[in-house]
Amino acid sequence: MNDAERQQKIEAFRKRLTDDPDSRIFAPLADLLRIGGRLDEALELLTAGLEKDPTYLSARVIQGRTLLDAGRSD
C-alpha cells in the first residue's frame, strides 16, 4: 500500500470512528498510523480505545508493536 492509499484508508477509518465512537476501528486505524510512522498519534488513539474496550486483544498487539517501534519496550 502506498502513502496515498494509506492516507485514504486513514481518512475513511477516522470518519467511521467519528460516526461510531465505540467502534473497534480504532485498532486498524492506529496500525495504519503506526505503519506511517505517526507513533504518538497511534498510541493516543490506542490508549483512548482501550479505555473503552480493555479486552480487545488485537488492539493490545498493535499497541505492543507501536511501543516497540517507538523504542519503548519497557
N, C-alpha and C. Protein backbone atom coordinates (compact mmCIF):
# COMPACT_ATOMS: atom_id res chain seq x y z
N MET A 1 0.85 -1.17 0.00
CA MET A 1 0.00 0.00 0.00
C MET A 1 0.90 1.24 0.00
N ASN A 2 0.62 2.16 -0.91
CA ASN A 2 1.43 3.37 -0.96
C ASN A 2 0.88 4.43 0.01
N ASP A 3 1.59 5.52 0.13
CA ASP A 3 1.22 6.56 1.10
C ASP A 3 -0.17 7.14 0.82
N ALA A 4 -0.50 7.36 -0.45
CA ALA A 4 -1.80 7.94 -0.80
C ALA A 4 -2.94 6.99 -0.43
N GLU A 5 -2.75 5.71 -0.70
CA GLU A 5 -3.77 4.72 -0.34
C GLU A 5 -3.93 4.62 1.17
N ARG A 6 -2.79 4.64 1.87
CA ARG A 6 -2.85 4.59 3.33
C ARG A 6 -3.59 5.81 3.88
N GLN A 7 -3.32 6.98 3.33
CA GLN A 7 -3.99 8.19 3.81
C GLN A 7 -5.49 8.13 3.55
N GLN A 8 -5.89 7.58 2.41
CA GLN A 8 -7.32 7.43 2.12
C GLN A 8 -7.98 6.50 3.13
N LYS A 9 -7.32 5.40 3.46
CA LYS A 9 -7.86 4.47 4.46
C LYS A 9 -7.94 5.14 5.83
N ILE A 10 -6.92 5.90 6.18
CA ILE A 10 -6.91 6.61 7.46
C ILE A 10 -8.12 7.54 7.54
N GLU A 11 -8.35 8.29 6.49
CA GLU A 11 -9.49 9.21 6.48
C GLU A 11 -10.81 8.47 6.57
N ALA A 12 -10.94 7.36 5.85
CA ALA A 12 -12.17 6.57 5.90
C ALA A 12 -12.39 5.99 7.29
N PHE A 13 -11.32 5.48 7.91
CA PHE A 13 -11.43 4.91 9.26
C PHE A 13 -11.75 5.99 10.28
N ARG A 14 -11.17 7.17 10.13
CA ARG A 14 -11.47 8.28 11.05
C ARG A 14 -12.95 8.66 10.96
N LYS A 15 -13.48 8.67 9.75
CA LYS A 15 -14.90 9.00 9.57
C LYS A 15 -15.77 7.95 10.26
N ARG A 16 -15.41 6.68 10.08
CA ARG A 16 -16.18 5.61 10.74
C ARG A 16 -16.12 5.74 12.25
N LEU A 17 -14.95 6.11 12.77
CA LEU A 17 -14.79 6.27 14.20
C LEU A 17 -15.57 7.47 14.71
N THR A 18 -15.62 8.53 13.92
CA THR A 18 -16.42 9.71 14.29
C THR A 18 -17.90 9.36 14.31
N ASP A 19 -18.32 8.58 13.31
CA ASP A 19 -19.73 8.18 13.22
C ASP A 19 -20.11 7.21 14.34
N ASP A 20 -19.18 6.38 14.77
CA ASP A 20 -19.43 5.39 15.82
C ASP A 20 -18.23 5.36 16.77
N PRO A 21 -18.22 6.23 17.78
CA PRO A 21 -17.07 6.33 18.68
C PRO A 21 -16.76 5.04 19.44
N ASP A 22 -17.72 4.12 19.53
CA ASP A 22 -17.48 2.86 20.24
C ASP A 22 -16.99 1.75 19.31
N SER A 23 -16.75 2.08 18.06
CA SER A 23 -16.30 1.10 17.07
C SER A 23 -14.89 0.62 17.40
N ARG A 24 -14.63 -0.61 17.02
CA ARG A 24 -13.29 -1.17 17.18
C ARG A 24 -12.35 -0.78 16.04
N ILE A 25 -12.80 0.10 15.17
CA ILE A 25 -11.98 0.54 14.03
C ILE A 25 -10.75 1.31 14.51
N PHE A 26 -10.74 1.70 15.80
CA PHE A 26 -9.58 2.44 16.32
C PHE A 26 -8.30 1.62 16.19
N ALA A 27 -8.40 0.30 16.29
CA ALA A 27 -7.19 -0.52 16.25
C ALA A 27 -6.58 -0.57 14.84
N PRO A 28 -7.35 -0.89 13.79
CA PRO A 28 -6.72 -0.85 12.47
C PRO A 28 -6.30 0.55 12.06
N LEU A 29 -7.02 1.56 12.53
CA LEU A 29 -6.61 2.94 12.27
C LEU A 29 -5.26 3.22 12.91
N ALA A 30 -5.11 2.82 14.16
CA ALA A 30 -3.84 3.02 14.86
C ALA A 30 -2.71 2.26 14.16
N ASP A 31 -3.01 1.08 13.64
CA ASP A 31 -1.99 0.31 12.94
C ASP A 31 -1.54 1.02 11.66
N LEU A 32 -2.48 1.60 10.93
CA LEU A 32 -2.12 2.38 9.74
C LEU A 32 -1.26 3.58 10.12
N LEU A 33 -1.60 4.23 11.22
CA LEU A 33 -0.80 5.36 11.69
C LEU A 33 0.60 4.89 12.07
N ARG A 34 0.68 3.76 12.73
CA ARG A 34 1.98 3.19 13.12
C ARG A 34 2.84 2.91 11.89
N ILE A 35 2.25 2.28 10.91
CA ILE A 35 2.98 1.95 9.69
C ILE A 35 3.48 3.22 9.01
N GLY A 36 2.69 4.28 9.10
CA GLY A 36 3.07 5.55 8.51
C GLY A 36 4.03 6.37 9.36
N GLY A 37 4.44 5.82 10.51
CA GLY A 37 5.40 6.49 11.37
C GLY A 37 4.80 7.50 12.32
N ARG A 38 3.49 7.55 12.41
CA ARG A 38 2.82 8.50 13.29
C ARG A 38 2.54 7.82 14.64
N LEU A 39 3.62 7.51 15.34
CA LEU A 39 3.56 6.66 16.52
C LEU A 39 2.84 7.30 17.69
N ASP A 40 3.10 8.57 17.97
CA ASP A 40 2.44 9.23 19.10
C ASP A 40 0.93 9.29 18.88
N GLU A 41 0.54 9.60 17.67
CA GLU A 41 -0.89 9.66 17.34
C GLU A 41 -1.54 8.27 17.48
N ALA A 42 -0.83 7.24 17.04
CA ALA A 42 -1.33 5.87 17.16
C ALA A 42 -1.48 5.48 18.62
N LEU A 43 -0.49 5.81 19.43
CA LEU A 43 -0.56 5.45 20.85
C LEU A 43 -1.69 6.19 21.58
N GLU A 44 -1.91 7.44 21.24
CA GLU A 44 -3.03 8.18 21.85
C GLU A 44 -4.35 7.53 21.49
N LEU A 45 -4.51 7.16 20.25
CA LEU A 45 -5.73 6.52 19.78
C LEU A 45 -5.93 5.17 20.48
N LEU A 46 -4.88 4.40 20.59
CA LEU A 46 -4.96 3.11 21.26
C LEU A 46 -5.30 3.25 22.74
N THR A 47 -4.68 4.21 23.38
CA THR A 47 -4.97 4.43 24.81
C THR A 47 -6.45 4.76 25.01
N ALA A 48 -6.97 5.65 24.20
CA ALA A 48 -8.39 6.03 24.32
C ALA A 48 -9.30 4.85 23.99
N GLY A 49 -8.97 4.12 22.93
CA GLY A 49 -9.81 2.99 22.55
C GLY A 49 -9.79 1.87 23.56
N LEU A 50 -8.62 1.60 24.12
CA LEU A 50 -8.50 0.52 25.09
C LEU A 50 -9.13 0.88 26.44
N GLU A 51 -9.30 2.15 26.72
CA GLU A 51 -10.04 2.54 27.92
C GLU A 51 -11.50 2.09 27.80
N LYS A 52 -12.04 2.15 26.59
CA LYS A 52 -13.43 1.74 26.36
C LYS A 52 -13.55 0.22 26.20
N ASP A 53 -12.53 -0.41 25.65
CA ASP A 53 -12.58 -1.83 25.32
C ASP A 53 -11.26 -2.50 25.73
N PRO A 54 -11.01 -2.64 27.04
CA PRO A 54 -9.70 -3.10 27.51
C PRO A 54 -9.36 -4.55 27.18
N THR A 55 -10.33 -5.35 26.78
CA THR A 55 -10.05 -6.75 26.48
C THR A 55 -9.86 -7.02 25.00
N TYR A 56 -9.78 -5.99 24.19
CA TYR A 56 -9.63 -6.14 22.74
C TYR A 56 -8.18 -6.53 22.44
N LEU A 57 -7.98 -7.83 22.27
CA LEU A 57 -6.63 -8.38 22.15
C LEU A 57 -5.86 -7.85 20.94
N SER A 58 -6.51 -7.74 19.80
CA SER A 58 -5.81 -7.24 18.61
C SER A 58 -5.28 -5.82 18.85
N ALA A 59 -6.05 -5.02 19.56
CA ALA A 59 -5.60 -3.66 19.86
C ALA A 59 -4.38 -3.70 20.78
N ARG A 60 -4.35 -4.65 21.70
CA ARG A 60 -3.19 -4.79 22.59
C ARG A 60 -1.93 -5.17 21.80
N VAL A 61 -2.10 -6.04 20.81
CA VAL A 61 -0.97 -6.43 19.96
C VAL A 61 -0.45 -5.22 19.18
N ILE A 62 -1.37 -4.45 18.62
CA ILE A 62 -0.98 -3.26 17.87
C ILE A 62 -0.31 -2.25 18.80
N GLN A 63 -0.81 -2.14 20.02
CA GLN A 63 -0.19 -1.25 21.00
C GLN A 63 1.25 -1.69 21.28
N GLY A 64 1.45 -2.99 21.44
CA GLY A 64 2.80 -3.50 21.69
C GLY A 64 3.73 -3.23 20.52
N ARG A 65 3.25 -3.45 19.31
CA ARG A 65 4.08 -3.17 18.13
C ARG A 65 4.43 -1.68 18.05
N THR A 66 3.46 -0.85 18.36
CA THR A 66 3.68 0.60 18.30
C THR A 66 4.70 1.02 19.35
N LEU A 67 4.58 0.47 20.54
CA LEU A 67 5.55 0.81 21.59
C LEU A 67 6.96 0.34 21.19
N LEU A 68 7.06 -0.84 20.61
CA LEU A 68 8.36 -1.31 20.14
C LEU A 68 8.93 -0.40 19.06
N ASP A 69 8.09 -0.02 18.11
CA ASP A 69 8.54 0.88 17.06
C ASP A 69 9.01 2.22 17.61
N ALA A 70 8.38 2.64 18.72
CA ALA A 70 8.73 3.91 19.34
C ALA A 70 9.95 3.78 20.26
N GLY A 71 10.48 2.56 20.38
CA GLY A 71 11.64 2.34 21.24
C GLY A 71 11.29 2.32 22.70
N ARG A 72 10.04 2.01 22.99
CA ARG A 72 9.57 1.99 24.38
C ARG A 72 9.22 0.57 24.76
N SER A 73 10.21 -0.29 24.79
CA SER A 73 9.97 -1.70 25.08
C SER A 73 9.76 -1.99 26.57
N ASP A 74 9.91 -0.98 27.38
CA ASP A 74 9.69 -1.17 28.82
C ASP A 74 8.22 -1.29 29.08
